[in-house]
């Protein structure tokens, strides 16, 4: 199996990948290959770069935090280095396809995407998520995949939560692998292509009882403004400011940055200069009364783990199945 993410190699924007890798290899004893985007690639969905030349480098992580040396050519491990990873100048979905069909063809039985730095609950985030996009890419290559996200609740997240989250994620992944499509709660019309796991990073991770785990559906929500208008003379500074991270990532972000919804001044509108600065107040901090019980958004609000079974396809509304007007073969007919 191999992990991928949309946060890139270990660092400020990617605090979980190295500890998760060590858990998979040292505790679970799995044979793990790692292929990651070379830089942060959040909010990019299942995009492929069809006109770019995808170049790669070799990465050699070291204890204690996974920081390591980059090399253009493969080499023997040096003292303190624990593995050879590969970094690609591509999207998460690109990394998965290249890993499955070029780098490790025929060697991978499971792709784990994550742990993402931040939640991937609700349709608003799931449809934008590079983490889930990578898992979808794997599913479309007939390889089972699981997306894992750690939802930020406390800022900054205490490092004491990291290992318990890795252990919990490992237990859930092991269960899903052992019972793929067999657990009644995990079935969706008898077919599962991938699972989406969200673990809230809260103090209860340290408790003896741990967190409740729920089978969930996707909270079908929406978002509004994602980009803020600016004047043209601000453009150079805008390129250096902000974060491309996910909903919970640190933008230099504090909670005020995450929930910011300041409107642009009238003089800025119409200048055709925009910067990604989404208004996430209602997405990150929804009121409980709008959350469907049993959805992933509800589970995150309650401090529960959500496990959502998914298909690698667009959902079809139920009315289409029962629509009238079929031919002799049972195929639906559209009448104008």
C-alpha atoms as a PDB file:
ATOM      1  CA  UNK A   1       0.000   0.000   0.000  1.00  0.00           C
ATOM      2  CA  UNK A   2       1.078   3.582  -0.198  1.00  0.00           C
ATOM      3  CA  UNK A   3       0.031   6.920   1.304  1.00  0.00           C
ATOM      4  CA  UNK A   4      -0.415  10.140  -0.631  1.00  0.00           C
ATOM      5  CA  UNK A   5      -1.672  13.525   0.570  1.00  0.00           C
ATOM      6  CA  UNK A   6      -2.447  17.024  -0.663  1.00  0.00           C
ATOM      7  CA  UNK A   7      -0.327  18.797   1.976  1.00  0.00           C
ATOM      8  CA  UNK A   8       3.077  17.843   0.596  1.00  0.00           C
ATOM      9  CA  UNK A   9       6.209  16.640   2.447  1.00  0.00           C
ATOM     10  CA  UNK A  10       6.618  16.998   6.232  1.00  0.00           C
ATOM     11  CA  UNK A  11       6.551  20.577   7.457  1.00  0.00           C
ATOM     12  CA  UNK A  12       4.304  23.323   8.756  1.00  0.00           C
ATOM     13  CA  UNK A  13       1.563  22.596   6.207  1.00  0.00           C
ATOM     14  CA  UNK A  14       1.942  18.815   6.550  1.00  0.00           C
ATOM     15  CA  UNK A  15       2.401  17.867  10.208  1.00  0.00           C
ATOM     16  CA  UNK A  16       0.863  14.369  10.142  1.00  0.00           C
ATOM     17  CA  UNK A  17       2.309  12.382   7.231  1.00  0.00           C
ATOM     18  CA  UNK A  18       5.592  11.299   8.860  1.00  0.00           C
ATOM     19  CA  UNK A  19       4.134  10.076  12.156  1.00  0.00           C
ATOM     20  CA  UNK A  20       1.385   8.285  10.249  1.00  0.00           C
ATOM     21  CA  UNK A  21       3.969   6.588   8.040  1.00  0.00           C
ATOM     22  CA  UNK A  22       5.925   5.414  11.085  1.00  0.00           C
ATOM     23  CA  UNK A  23       2.749   4.003  12.605  1.00  0.00           C
ATOM     24  CA  UNK A  24       1.885   2.071   9.435  1.00  0.00           C
ATOM     25  CA  UNK A  25       5.377   0.621   9.133  1.00  0.00           C
ATOM     26  CA  UNK A  26       6.546   0.226  12.726  1.00  0.00           C
ATOM     27  CA  UNK A  27       3.292  -0.688  14.490  1.00  0.00           C
ATOM     28  CA  UNK A  28       1.148  -2.306  11.804  1.00  0.00           C
ATOM     29  CA  UNK A  29       4.131  -3.739   9.943  1.00  0.00           C
ATOM     30  CA  UNK A  30       2.836  -2.820   6.485  1.00  0.00           C
ATOM     31  CA  UNK A  31       4.973  -2.495   3.365  1.00  0.00           C
ATOM     32  CA  UNK A  32       4.522   1.187   2.540  1.00  0.00           C
ATOM     33  CA  UNK A  33       5.554   3.257  -0.468  1.00  0.00           C
ATOM     34  CA  UNK A  34       5.146   7.041  -0.253  1.00  0.00           C
ATOM     35  CA  UNK A  35       4.482   9.354  -3.204  1.00  0.00           C
ATOM     36  CA  UNK A  36       3.570  12.956  -2.378  1.00  0.00           C
ATOM     37  CA  UNK A  37       3.061  16.270  -4.152  1.00  0.00           C
ATOM     38  CA  UNK A  38       6.223  18.307  -3.818  1.00  0.00           C
ATOM     39  CA  UNK A  39       4.236  21.294  -2.507  1.00  0.00           C
ATOM     40  CA  UNK A  40       0.870  22.108  -0.908  1.00  0.00           C
ATOM     41  CA  UNK A  41      -1.992  21.113  -3.238  1.00  0.00           C
ATOM     42  CA  UNK A  42      -5.212  21.615  -1.264  1.00  0.00           C
ATOM     43  CA  UNK A  43      -8.556  22.595  -2.811  1.00  0.00           C
ATOM     44  CA  UNK A  44      -7.593  21.021  -6.126  1.00  0.00           C
ATOM     45  CA  UNK A  45     -10.009  18.081  -6.210  1.00  0.00           C
ATOM     46  CA  UNK A  46      -9.253  15.271  -8.663  1.00  0.00           C
ATOM     47  CA  UNK A  47      -7.419  17.461 -11.150  1.00  0.00           C
ATOM     48  CA  UNK A  48      -4.728  16.171 -13.519  1.00  0.00           C
ATOM     49  CA  UNK A  49      -2.064  18.359 -15.122  1.00  0.00           C
ATOM     50  CA  UNK A  50      -2.364  17.320 -18.749  1.00  0.00           C
ATOM     51  CA  UNK A  51      -0.015  19.909 -20.291  1.00  0.00           C
ATOM     52  CA  UNK A  52       2.689  20.009 -17.624  1.00  0.00           C
ATOM     53  CA  UNK A  53       5.822  17.897 -17.521  1.00  0.00           C
ATOM     54  CA  UNK A  54       5.658  16.086 -14.180  1.00  0.00           C
ATOM     55  CA  UNK A  55       9.111  15.944 -12.643  1.00  0.00           C
ATOM     56  CA  UNK A  56      10.072  14.086  -9.505  1.00  0.00           C
ATOM     57  CA  UNK A  57      12.685  13.998  -6.774  1.00  0.00           C
ATOM     58  CA  UNK A  58      13.690  11.536  -4.097  1.00  0.00           C
ATOM     59  CA  UNK A  59      13.109  12.477  -0.469  1.00  0.00           C
ATOM     60  CA  UNK A  60      14.831  10.921   2.558  1.00  0.00           C
ATOM     61  CA  UNK A  61      12.915  11.652   5.808  1.00  0.00           C
ATOM     62  CA  UNK A  62      14.606  11.478   9.195  1.00  0.00           C
ATOM     63  CA  UNK A  63      13.486  11.387  12.822  1.00  0.00           C
ATOM     64  CA  UNK A  64      11.991  13.069  14.695  1.00  0.00           C
ATOM     65  CA  UNK A  65       9.755  15.102  12.374  1.00  0.00           C
ATOM     66  CA  UNK A  66      10.378  13.705   8.893  1.00  0.00           C
ATOM     67  CA  UNK A  67      12.444  16.595   7.568  1.00  0.00           C
ATOM     68  CA  UNK A  68      14.983  15.262   5.140  1.00  0.00           C
ATOM     69  CA  UNK A  69      17.229  15.689   2.146  1.00  0.00           C
ATOM     70  CA  UNK A  70      16.061  15.879  -1.470  1.00  0.00           C
ATOM     71  CA  UNK A  71      17.987  14.201  -4.270  1.00  0.00           C
ATOM     72  CA  UNK A  72      17.495  14.181  -8.039  1.00  0.00           C
ATOM     73  CA  UNK A  73      18.733  10.585  -8.180  1.00  0.00           C
ATOM     74  CA  UNK A  74      18.031   7.552  -5.984  1.00  0.00           C
ATOM     75  CA  UNK A  75      20.770   6.616  -3.531  1.00  0.00           C
ATOM     76  CA  UNK A  76      21.467   4.431  -0.531  1.00  0.00           C
ATOM     77  CA  UNK A  77      20.027   5.524   2.803  1.00  0.00           C
ATOM     78  CA  UNK A  78      22.408   7.523   4.987  1.00  0.00           C
ATOM     79  CA  UNK A  79      22.656   7.503   8.785  1.00  0.00           C
ATOM     80  CA  UNK A  80      19.374   8.582  10.372  1.00  0.00           C
ATOM     81  CA  UNK A  81      17.292   8.253   7.206  1.00  0.00           C
ATOM     82  CA  UNK A  82      14.347   5.876   7.488  1.00  0.00           C
ATOM     83  CA  UNK A  83      13.060   5.514   3.916  1.00  0.00           C
ATOM     84  CA  UNK A  84      13.105   6.743   0.347  1.00  0.00           C
ATOM     85  CA  UNK A  85       9.992   8.664  -0.670  1.00  0.00           C
ATOM     86  CA  UNK A  86       9.145  10.246  -3.995  1.00  0.00           C
ATOM     87  CA  UNK A  87       7.955  13.836  -4.494  1.00  0.00           C
ATOM     88  CA  UNK A  88       6.224  14.756  -7.757  1.00  0.00           C
ATOM     89  CA  UNK A  89       5.439  18.215  -9.114  1.00  0.00           C
ATOM     90  CA  UNK A  90       1.823  17.212  -9.597  1.00  0.00           C
ATOM     91  CA  UNK A  91      -1.605  17.124  -8.037  1.00  0.00           C
ATOM     92  CA  UNK A  92      -2.557  14.392  -5.537  1.00  0.00           C
ATOM     93  CA  UNK A  93      -4.573  12.566  -8.228  1.00  0.00           C
ATOM     94  CA  UNK A  94      -1.578  12.822 -10.572  1.00  0.00           C
ATOM     95  CA  UNK A  95       0.698  11.345  -7.895  1.00  0.00           C
ATOM     96  CA  UNK A  96      -1.648   8.395  -7.434  1.00  0.00           C
ATOM     97  CA  UNK A  97      -1.953   7.561 -11.118  1.00  0.00           C
ATOM     98  CA  UNK A  98       1.794   7.772 -11.708  1.00  0.00           C
ATOM     99  CA  UNK A  99       2.499   5.679  -8.623  1.00  0.00           C
ATOM    100  CA  UNK A 100       0.015   2.966  -9.619  1.00  0.00           C
ATOM    101  CA  UNK A 101       0.854   2.763 -13.309  1.00  0.00           C
ATOM    102  CA  UNK A 102       4.488   3.862 -13.572  1.00  0.00           C
ATOM    103  CA  UNK A 103       6.411   3.694 -10.315  1.00  0.00           C
ATOM    104  CA  UNK A 104       4.920   0.653  -8.559  1.00  0.00           C
ATOM    105  CA  UNK A 105       2.813  -1.049 -11.207  1.00  0.00           C
ATOM    106  CA  UNK A 106       1.141  -4.178  -9.843  1.00  0.00           C
ATOM    107  CA  UNK A 107       2.597  -3.710  -6.343  1.00  0.00           C
ATOM    108  CA  UNK A 108      -0.135  -1.654  -4.622  1.00  0.00           C
ATOM    109  CA  UNK A 109      -3.297  -3.118  -3.089  1.00  0.00           C
ATOM    110  CA  UNK A 110      -4.470  -0.126  -1.041  1.00  0.00           C
ATOM    111  CA  UNK A 111      -4.029   3.646  -1.338  1.00  0.00           C
ATOM    112  CA  UNK A 112      -4.382   5.780   1.789  1.00  0.00           C
ATOM    113  CA  UNK A 113      -4.792   9.475   1.106  1.00  0.00           C
ATOM    114  CA  UNK A 114      -3.898  11.644   4.070  1.00  0.00           C
ATOM    115  CA  UNK A 115      -3.953  12.320   6.908  1.00  0.00           C
ATOM    116  CA  UNK A 116      -5.173  15.666   5.662  1.00  0.00           C
ATOM    117  CA  UNK A 117      -4.472  18.760   7.737  1.00  0.00           C
ATOM    118  CA  UNK A 118      -8.109  19.602   8.386  1.00  0.00           C
ATOM    119  CA  UNK A 119     -11.564  18.120   7.947  1.00  0.00           C
ATOM    120  CA  UNK A 120     -13.036  16.881   4.700  1.00  0.00           C
ATOM    121  CA  UNK A 121     -16.643  16.689   5.815  1.00  0.00           C
ATOM    122  CA  UNK A 122     -19.661  17.852   3.787  1.00  0.00           C
ATOM    123  CA  UNK A 123     -20.085  18.141   0.047  1.00  0.00           C
ATOM    124  CA  UNK A 124     -18.614  21.656   0.019  1.00  0.00           C
ATOM    125  CA  UNK A 125     -15.235  20.368   1.181  1.00  0.00           C
ATOM    126  CA  UNK A 126     -15.392  16.835  -0.246  1.00  0.00           C
ATOM    127  CA  UNK A 127     -15.927  18.045  -3.814  1.00  0.00           C
ATOM    128  CA  UNK A 128     -12.933  20.403  -3.491  1.00  0.00           C
ATOM    129  CA  UNK A 129     -10.619  18.094  -1.571  1.00  0.00           C
ATOM    130  CA  UNK A 130      -7.326  16.992  -3.060  1.00  0.00           C
ATOM    131  CA  UNK A 131      -7.234  14.277  -0.399  1.00  0.00           C
ATOM    132  CA  UNK A 132     -10.499  12.722  -1.560  1.00  0.00           C
ATOM    133  CA  UNK A 133      -9.513  13.449  -5.174  1.00  0.00           C
ATOM    134  CA  UNK A 134      -6.468  11.214  -4.769  1.00  0.00           C
ATOM    135  CA  UNK A 135      -8.625   8.425  -3.326  1.00  0.00           C
ATOM    136  CA  UNK A 136     -11.040   8.768  -6.257  1.00  0.00           C
ATOM    137  CA  UNK A 137      -8.123   8.549  -8.669  1.00  0.00           C
ATOM    138  CA  UNK A 138      -7.086   5.268  -7.074  1.00  0.00           C
ATOM    139  CA  UNK A 139     -10.630   3.887  -7.187  1.00  0.00           C
ATOM    140  CA  UNK A 140     -10.863   4.638 -10.897  1.00  0.00           C
ATOM    141  CA  UNK A 141      -7.785   2.448 -11.353  1.00  0.00           C
ATOM    142  CA  UNK A 142      -9.560  -0.430  -9.551  1.00  0.00           C
ATOM    143  CA  UNK A 143      -7.425  -0.028  -6.421  1.00  0.00           C
ATOM    144  CA  UNK A 144      -9.182   0.289  -3.073  1.00  0.00           C
ATOM    145  CA  UNK A 145      -8.625   3.603  -1.352  1.00  0.00           C
ATOM    146  CA  UNK A 146      -9.302   5.349   1.940  1.00  0.00           C
ATOM    147  CA  UNK A 147      -9.174   9.103   2.543  1.00  0.00           C
ATOM    148  CA  UNK A 148      -8.210  10.167   6.077  1.00  0.00           C
ATOM    149  CA  UNK A 149      -8.578  13.686   7.486  1.00  0.00           C
ATOM    150  CA  UNK A 150      -7.833  15.109  10.921  1.00  0.00           C
ATOM    151  CA  UNK A 151     -10.246  17.941  11.715  1.00  0.00           C
ATOM    152  CA  UNK A 152      -8.716  20.886  13.569  1.00  0.00           C
ATOM    153  CA  UNK A 153     -10.695  21.974  16.634  1.00  0.00           C
ATOM    154  CA  UNK A 154      -8.073  23.454  18.960  1.00  0.00           C
ATOM    155  CA  UNK A 155      -5.562  25.947  17.592  1.00  0.00           C
ATOM    156  CA  UNK A 156      -2.793  25.006  17.667  1.00  0.00           C
ATOM    157  CA  UNK A 157      -3.527  21.278  17.868  1.00  0.00           C
ATOM    158  CA  UNK A 158      -1.507  19.777  20.764  1.00  0.00           C
ATOM    159  CA  UNK A 159       1.116  17.357  19.492  1.00  0.00           C
ATOM    160  CA  UNK A 160      -0.042  14.891  22.176  1.00  0.00           C
ATOM    161  CA  UNK A 161      -3.092  14.239  19.971  1.00  0.00           C
ATOM    162  CA  UNK A 162      -1.024  13.095  16.993  1.00  0.00           C
ATOM    163  CA  UNK A 163      -0.134   9.526  18.022  1.00  0.00           C
ATOM    164  CA  UNK A 164      -3.624   8.684  19.367  1.00  0.00           C
ATOM    165  CA  UNK A 165      -5.079   9.905  16.063  1.00  0.00           C
ATOM    166  CA  UNK A 166      -2.633   7.741  14.117  1.00  0.00           C
ATOM    167  CA  UNK A 167      -3.516   4.707  16.240  1.00  0.00           C
ATOM    168  CA  UNK A 168      -7.235   5.277  15.803  1.00  0.00           C
ATOM    169  CA  UNK A 169      -6.884   5.813  12.062  1.00  0.00           C
ATOM    170  CA  UNK A 170      -4.823   2.630  11.819  1.00  0.00           C
ATOM    171  CA  UNK A 171      -7.477   0.607  13.649  1.00  0.00           C
ATOM    172  CA  UNK A 172     -10.256   1.918  11.426  1.00  0.00           C
ATOM    173  CA  UNK A 173      -8.258   1.342   8.223  1.00  0.00           C
ATOM    174  CA  UNK A 174      -7.397  -2.202   9.309  1.00  0.00           C
ATOM    175  CA  UNK A 175     -11.068  -2.931  10.013  1.00  0.00           C
ATOM    176  CA  UNK A 176     -12.182  -1.506   6.663  1.00  0.00           C
ATOM    177  CA  UNK A 177      -9.555  -3.531   4.820  1.00  0.00           C
ATOM    178  CA  UNK A 178     -10.504  -6.752   6.608  1.00  0.00           C
ATOM    179  CA  UNK A 179     -14.257  -6.271   6.107  1.00  0.00           C
ATOM    180  CA  UNK A 180     -14.401  -4.360   2.816  1.00  0.00           C
ATOM    181  CA  UNK A 181     -18.031  -4.289   1.705  1.00  0.00           C
ATOM    182  CA  UNK A 182     -19.037  -6.879   4.332  1.00  0.00           C
ATOM    183  CA  UNK A 183     -19.975  -4.616   7.224  1.00  0.00           C
ATOM    184  CA  UNK A 184     -23.695  -3.876   6.925  1.00  0.00           C
ATOM    185  CA  UNK A 185     -23.207  -0.309   8.093  1.00  0.00           C
ATOM    186  CA  UNK A 186     -20.584   0.315   5.461  1.00  0.00           C
ATOM    187  CA  UNK A 187     -22.592  -0.795   2.456  1.00  0.00           C
ATOM    188  CA  UNK A 188     -23.976   1.736   0.008  1.00  0.00           C
ATOM    189  CA  UNK A 189     -26.266  -0.065  -2.396  1.00  0.00           C
ATOM    190  CA  UNK A 190     -23.986  -3.064  -2.045  1.00  0.00           C
ATOM    191  CA  UNK A 191     -20.959  -1.299  -3.517  1.00  0.00           C
ATOM    192  CA  UNK A 192     -18.054   0.566  -1.908  1.00  0.00           C
ATOM    193  CA  UNK A 193     -15.228   2.097  -3.970  1.00  0.00           C
ATOM    194  CA  UNK A 194     -13.620   4.182  -1.236  1.00  0.00           C
ATOM    195  CA  UNK A 195     -14.114   5.372   2.321  1.00  0.00           C
ATOM    196  CA  UNK A 196     -13.772   8.887   3.711  1.00  0.00           C
ATOM    197  CA  UNK A 197     -12.657   9.048   7.375  1.00  0.00           C
ATOM    198  CA  UNK A 198     -12.734  12.223   9.478  1.00  0.00           C
ATOM    199  CA  UNK A 199     -11.203  12.264  12.965  1.00  0.00           C
ATOM    200  CA  UNK A 200     -11.706  15.366  15.144  1.00  0.00           C
ATOM    201  CA  UNK A 201      -8.496  16.388  16.907  1.00  0.00           C
ATOM    202  CA  UNK A 202      -9.925  16.808  20.403  1.00  0.00           C
ATOM    203  CA  UNK A 203      -8.883  15.957  23.958  1.00  0.00           C
ATOM    204  CA  UNK A 204     -11.109  12.867  24.072  1.00  0.00           C
ATOM    205  CA  UNK A 205      -8.534  11.151  21.863  1.00  0.00           C
ATOM    206  CA  UNK A 206      -6.483  10.818  25.059  1.00  0.00           C
ATOM    207  CA  UNK A 207      -9.302   9.287  27.108  1.00  0.00           C
ATOM    208  CA  UNK A 208      -9.675   5.609  27.929  1.00  0.00           C
ATOM    209  CA  UNK A 209     -12.943   5.323  26.009  1.00  0.00           C
ATOM    210  CA  UNK A 210     -11.695   7.281  23.016  1.00  0.00           C
ATOM    211  CA  UNK A 211     -14.018   8.638  20.338  1.00  0.00           C
ATOM    212  CA  UNK A 212     -17.273   7.188  19.089  1.00  0.00           C
ATOM    213  CA  UNK A 213     -17.131   6.025  15.465  1.00  0.00           C
ATOM    214  CA  UNK A 214     -20.170   6.448  13.212  1.00  0.00           C
ATOM    215  CA  UNK A 215     -21.113   5.327   9.734  1.00  0.00           C
ATOM    216  CA  UNK A 216     -22.165   8.577   8.086  1.00  0.00           C
ATOM    217  CA  UNK A 217     -23.495  10.184   4.946  1.00  0.00           C
ATOM    218  CA  UNK A 218     -22.171  13.389   3.397  1.00  0.00           C
ATOM    219  CA  UNK A 219     -23.756  16.576   4.668  1.00  0.00           C
ATOM    220  CA  UNK A 220     -25.027  18.155   1.459  1.00  0.00           C
ATOM    221  CA  UNK A 221     -24.252  21.790   2.143  1.00  0.00           C
ATOM    222  CA  UNK A 222     -23.121  24.696  -0.018  1.00  0.00           C
ATOM    223  CA  UNK A 223     -20.634  27.534   0.048  1.00  0.00           C
ATOM    224  CA  UNK A 224     -20.771  31.145  -1.027  1.00  0.00           C
ATOM    225  CA  UNK A 225     -17.962  33.570  -1.743  1.00  0.00           C
ATOM    226  CA  UNK A 226     -14.558  31.918  -2.091  1.00  0.00           C
ATOM    227  CA  UNK A 227     -12.593  34.846  -3.525  1.00  0.00           C
ATOM    228  CA  UNK A 228     -12.177  38.424  -2.336  1.00  0.00           C
ATOM    229  CA  UNK A 229     -11.808  41.387  -4.682  1.00  0.00           C
ATOM    230  CA  UNK A 230      -8.729  43.618  -4.471  1.00  0.00           C
ATOM    231  CA  UNK A 231      -7.293  46.606  -6.250  1.00  0.00           C
ATOM    232  CA  UNK A 232      -4.615  45.989  -8.905  1.00  0.00           C
ATOM    233  CA  UNK A 233      -1.850  47.655  -6.901  1.00  0.00           C
ATOM    234  CA  UNK A 234      -2.318  45.024  -4.170  1.00  0.00           C
ATOM    235  CA  UNK A 235      -1.575  42.118  -6.531  1.00  0.00           C
ATOM    236  CA  UNK A 236       2.191  41.760  -5.843  1.00  0.00           C
ATOM    237  CA  UNK A 237       1.622  41.528  -2.081  1.00  0.00           C
ATOM    238  CA  UNK A 238      -1.297  39.124  -2.527  1.00  0.00           C
ATOM    239  CA  UNK A 239       0.970  36.589  -4.242  1.00  0.00           C
ATOM    240  CA  UNK A 240       3.056  36.385  -1.088  1.00  0.00           C
ATOM    241  CA  UNK A 241       0.200  36.374   1.425  1.00  0.00           C
ATOM    242  CA  UNK A 242      -2.239  33.788   2.670  1.00  0.00           C
ATOM    243  CA  UNK A 243      -2.343  30.027   2.520  1.00  0.00           C
ATOM    244  CA  UNK A 244      -3.492  27.537  -0.061  1.00  0.00           C
ATOM    245  CA  UNK A 245      -4.292  25.055   2.680  1.00  0.00           C
ATOM    246  CA  UNK A 246      -7.505  23.254   3.437  1.00  0.00           C
ATOM    247  CA  UNK A 247     -10.371  24.464   5.608  1.00  0.00           C
ATOM    248  CA  UNK A 248      -8.520  23.966   8.884  1.00  0.00           C
ATOM    249  CA  UNK A 249      -4.986  24.719   7.718  1.00  0.00           C
ATOM    250  CA  UNK A 250      -3.045  27.592   9.262  1.00  0.00           C
ATOM    251  CA  UNK A 251      -3.211  30.518   6.903  1.00  0.00           C
ATOM    252  CA  UNK A 252      -0.936  32.182   9.234  1.00  0.00           C
ATOM    253  CA  UNK A 253      -4.520  31.476  10.090  1.00  0.00           C
ATOM    254  CA  UNK A 254      -6.112  32.004  13.413  1.00  0.00           C
ATOM    255  CA  UNK A 255      -9.866  31.468  13.836  1.00  0.00           C
ATOM    256  CA  UNK A 256     -10.499  35.040  12.709  1.00  0.00           C
ATOM    257  CA  UNK A 257      -8.743  34.349   9.396  1.00  0.00           C
ATOM    258  CA  UNK A 258     -10.773  31.188   8.839  1.00  0.00           C
ATOM    259  CA  UNK A 259     -14.116  32.850   9.420  1.00  0.00           C
ATOM    260  CA  UNK A 260     -13.288  36.177   7.815  1.00  0.00           C
ATOM    261  CA  UNK A 261     -16.040  37.536   5.598  1.00  0.00           C
ATOM    262  CA  UNK A 262     -15.002  41.163   5.110  1.00  0.00           C
ATOM    263  CA  UNK A 263     -16.541  42.641   2.000  1.00  0.00           C
ATOM    264  CA  UNK A 264     -14.378  44.408  -0.561  1.00  0.00           C
ATOM    265  CA  UNK A 265     -14.625  48.177  -0.750  1.00  0.00           C
ATOM    266  CA  UNK A 266     -16.705  49.520  -3.666  1.00  0.00           C
ATOM    267  CA  UNK A 267     -13.553  50.939  -5.285  1.00  0.00           C
ATOM    268  CA  UNK A 268     -12.066  47.417  -5.452  1.00  0.00           C
ATOM    269  CA  UNK A 269     -14.995  45.804  -7.231  1.00  0.00           C
ATOM    270  CA  UNK A 270     -14.646  45.496 -10.990  1.00  0.00           C
ATOM    271  CA  UNK A 271     -10.859  45.642 -10.988  1.00  0.00           C
ATOM    272  CA  UNK A 272     -10.655  41.933 -11.911  1.00  0.00           C
ATOM    273  CA  UNK A 273      -8.133  41.157  -9.167  1.00  0.00           C
ATOM    274  CA  UNK A 274      -9.197  38.395  -6.779  1.00  0.00           C
ATOM    275  CA  UNK A 275      -7.539  36.360  -4.040  1.00  0.00           C
ATOM    276  CA  UNK A 276      -8.733  33.066  -2.588  1.00  0.00           C
ATOM    277  CA  UNK A 277     -10.142  34.005   0.819  1.00  0.00           C
ATOM    278  CA  UNK A 278     -13.266  31.961   1.477  1.00  0.00           C
ATOM    279  CA  UNK A 279     -15.978  32.834   3.946  1.00  0.00           C
ATOM    280  CA  UNK A 280     -16.109  29.654   6.028  1.00  0.00           C
ATOM    281  CA  UNK A 281     -17.988  30.765   9.116  1.00  0.00           C
ATOM    282  CA  UNK A 282     -21.058  28.627   8.410  1.00  0.00           C
ATOM    283  CA  UNK A 283     -18.984  25.700   7.129  1.00  0.00           C
ATOM    284  CA  UNK A 284     -16.508  25.410  10.000  1.00  0.00           C
ATOM    285  CA  UNK A 285     -18.868  26.573  12.740  1.00  0.00           C
ATOM    286  CA  UNK A 286     -22.388  25.474  11.683  1.00  0.00           C
ATOM    287  CA  UNK A 287     -25.303  25.582  14.078  1.00  0.00           C
ATOM    288  CA  UNK A 288     -26.428  22.139  15.186  1.00  0.00           C
ATOM    289  CA  UNK A 289     -29.994  22.607  13.946  1.00  0.00           C
ATOM    290  CA  UNK A 290     -28.904  22.610  10.280  1.00  0.00           C
ATOM    291  CA  UNK A 291     -26.824  19.414  10.553  1.00  0.00           C
ATOM    292  CA  UNK A 292     -28.605  16.213   9.460  1.00  0.00           C
ATOM    293  CA  UNK A 293     -28.209  13.585  12.188  1.00  0.00           C
ATOM    294  CA  UNK A 294     -25.960  10.834  10.896  1.00  0.00           C
ATOM    295  CA  UNK A 295     -24.070  13.073   8.474  1.00  0.00           C
ATOM    296  CA  UNK A 296     -20.317  13.644   8.552  1.00  0.00           C
ATOM    297  CA  UNK A 297     -20.856  17.299   9.505  1.00  0.00           C
ATOM    298  CA  UNK A 298     -23.012  16.236  12.437  1.00  0.00           C
ATOM    299  CA  UNK A 299     -20.381  13.728  13.578  1.00  0.00           C
ATOM    300  CA  UNK A 300     -17.624  16.347  13.501  1.00  0.00           C
ATOM    301  CA  UNK A 301     -19.825  18.787  15.442  1.00  0.00           C
ATOM    302  CA  UNK A 302     -20.460  16.116  18.096  1.00  0.00           C
ATOM    303  CA  UNK A 303     -16.793  15.142  18.372  1.00  0.00           C
ATOM    304  CA  UNK A 304     -17.319  11.743  16.742  1.00  0.00           C
ATOM    305  CA  UNK A 305     -15.325   9.993  14.041  1.00  0.00           C
ATOM    306  CA  UNK A 306     -17.161   9.721  10.724  1.00  0.00           C
ATOM    307  CA  UNK A 307     -16.654   6.927   8.203  1.00  0.00           C
ATOM    308  CA  UNK A 308     -18.460   7.545   4.929  1.00  0.00           C
ATOM    309  CA  UNK A 309     -18.642   4.846   2.231  1.00  0.00           C
ATOM    310  CA  UNK A 310     -18.505   6.312  -1.276  1.00  0.00           C
ATOM    311  CA  UNK A 311     -18.686   5.421  -4.925  1.00  0.00           C
ATOM    312  CA  UNK A 312     -16.313   6.890  -7.488  1.00  0.00           C
ATOM    313  CA  UNK A 313     -19.141   8.477  -9.474  1.00  0.00           C
ATOM    314  CA  UNK A 314     -21.541  11.366  -9.462  1.00  0.00           C
ATOM    315  CA  UNK A 315     -24.656  10.626  -7.424  1.00  0.00           C
ATOM    316  CA  UNK A 316     -27.848  10.046  -9.374  1.00  0.00           C
ATOM    317  CA  UNK A 317     -31.052  11.448  -7.872  1.00  0.00           C
ATOM    318  CA  UNK A 318     -33.597   8.848  -6.847  1.00  0.00           C
ATOM    319  CA  UNK A 319     -36.400  10.251  -8.973  1.00  0.00           C
ATOM    320  CA  UNK A 320     -34.561   9.253 -12.159  1.00  0.00           C
ATOM    321  CA  UNK A 321     -34.726   5.575 -11.217  1.00  0.00           C
ATOM    322  CA  UNK A 322     -38.473   5.692 -10.788  1.00  0.00           C
ATOM    323  CA  UNK A 323     -39.145   8.002 -13.746  1.00  0.00           C
ATOM    324  CA  UNK A 324     -41.958   6.886 -16.065  1.00  0.00           C
ATOM    325  CA  UNK A 325     -41.582   6.168 -19.753  1.00  0.00           C
ATOM    326  CA  UNK A 326     -39.462   3.113 -20.484  1.00  0.00           C
ATOM    327  CA  UNK A 327     -39.030   1.078 -23.639  1.00  0.00           C
ATOM    328  CA  UNK A 328     -39.351  -2.695 -23.847  1.00  0.00           C
ATOM    329  CA  UNK A 329     -35.796  -3.177 -22.566  1.00  0.00           C
ATOM    330  CA  UNK A 330     -36.547  -1.031 -19.520  1.00  0.00           C
ATOM    331  CA  UNK A 331     -34.441   1.916 -20.683  1.00  0.00           C
ATOM    332  CA  UNK A 332     -35.835   5.312 -19.681  1.00  0.00           C
ATOM    333  CA  UNK A 333     -37.128   7.491 -22.505  1.00  0.00           C
ATOM    334  CA  UNK A 334     -37.080  11.269 -22.481  1.00  0.00           C
ATOM    335  CA  UNK A 335     -40.196  12.692 -24.102  1.00  0.00           C
ATOM    336  CA  UNK A 336     -40.215  16.272 -25.338  1.00  0.00           C
END
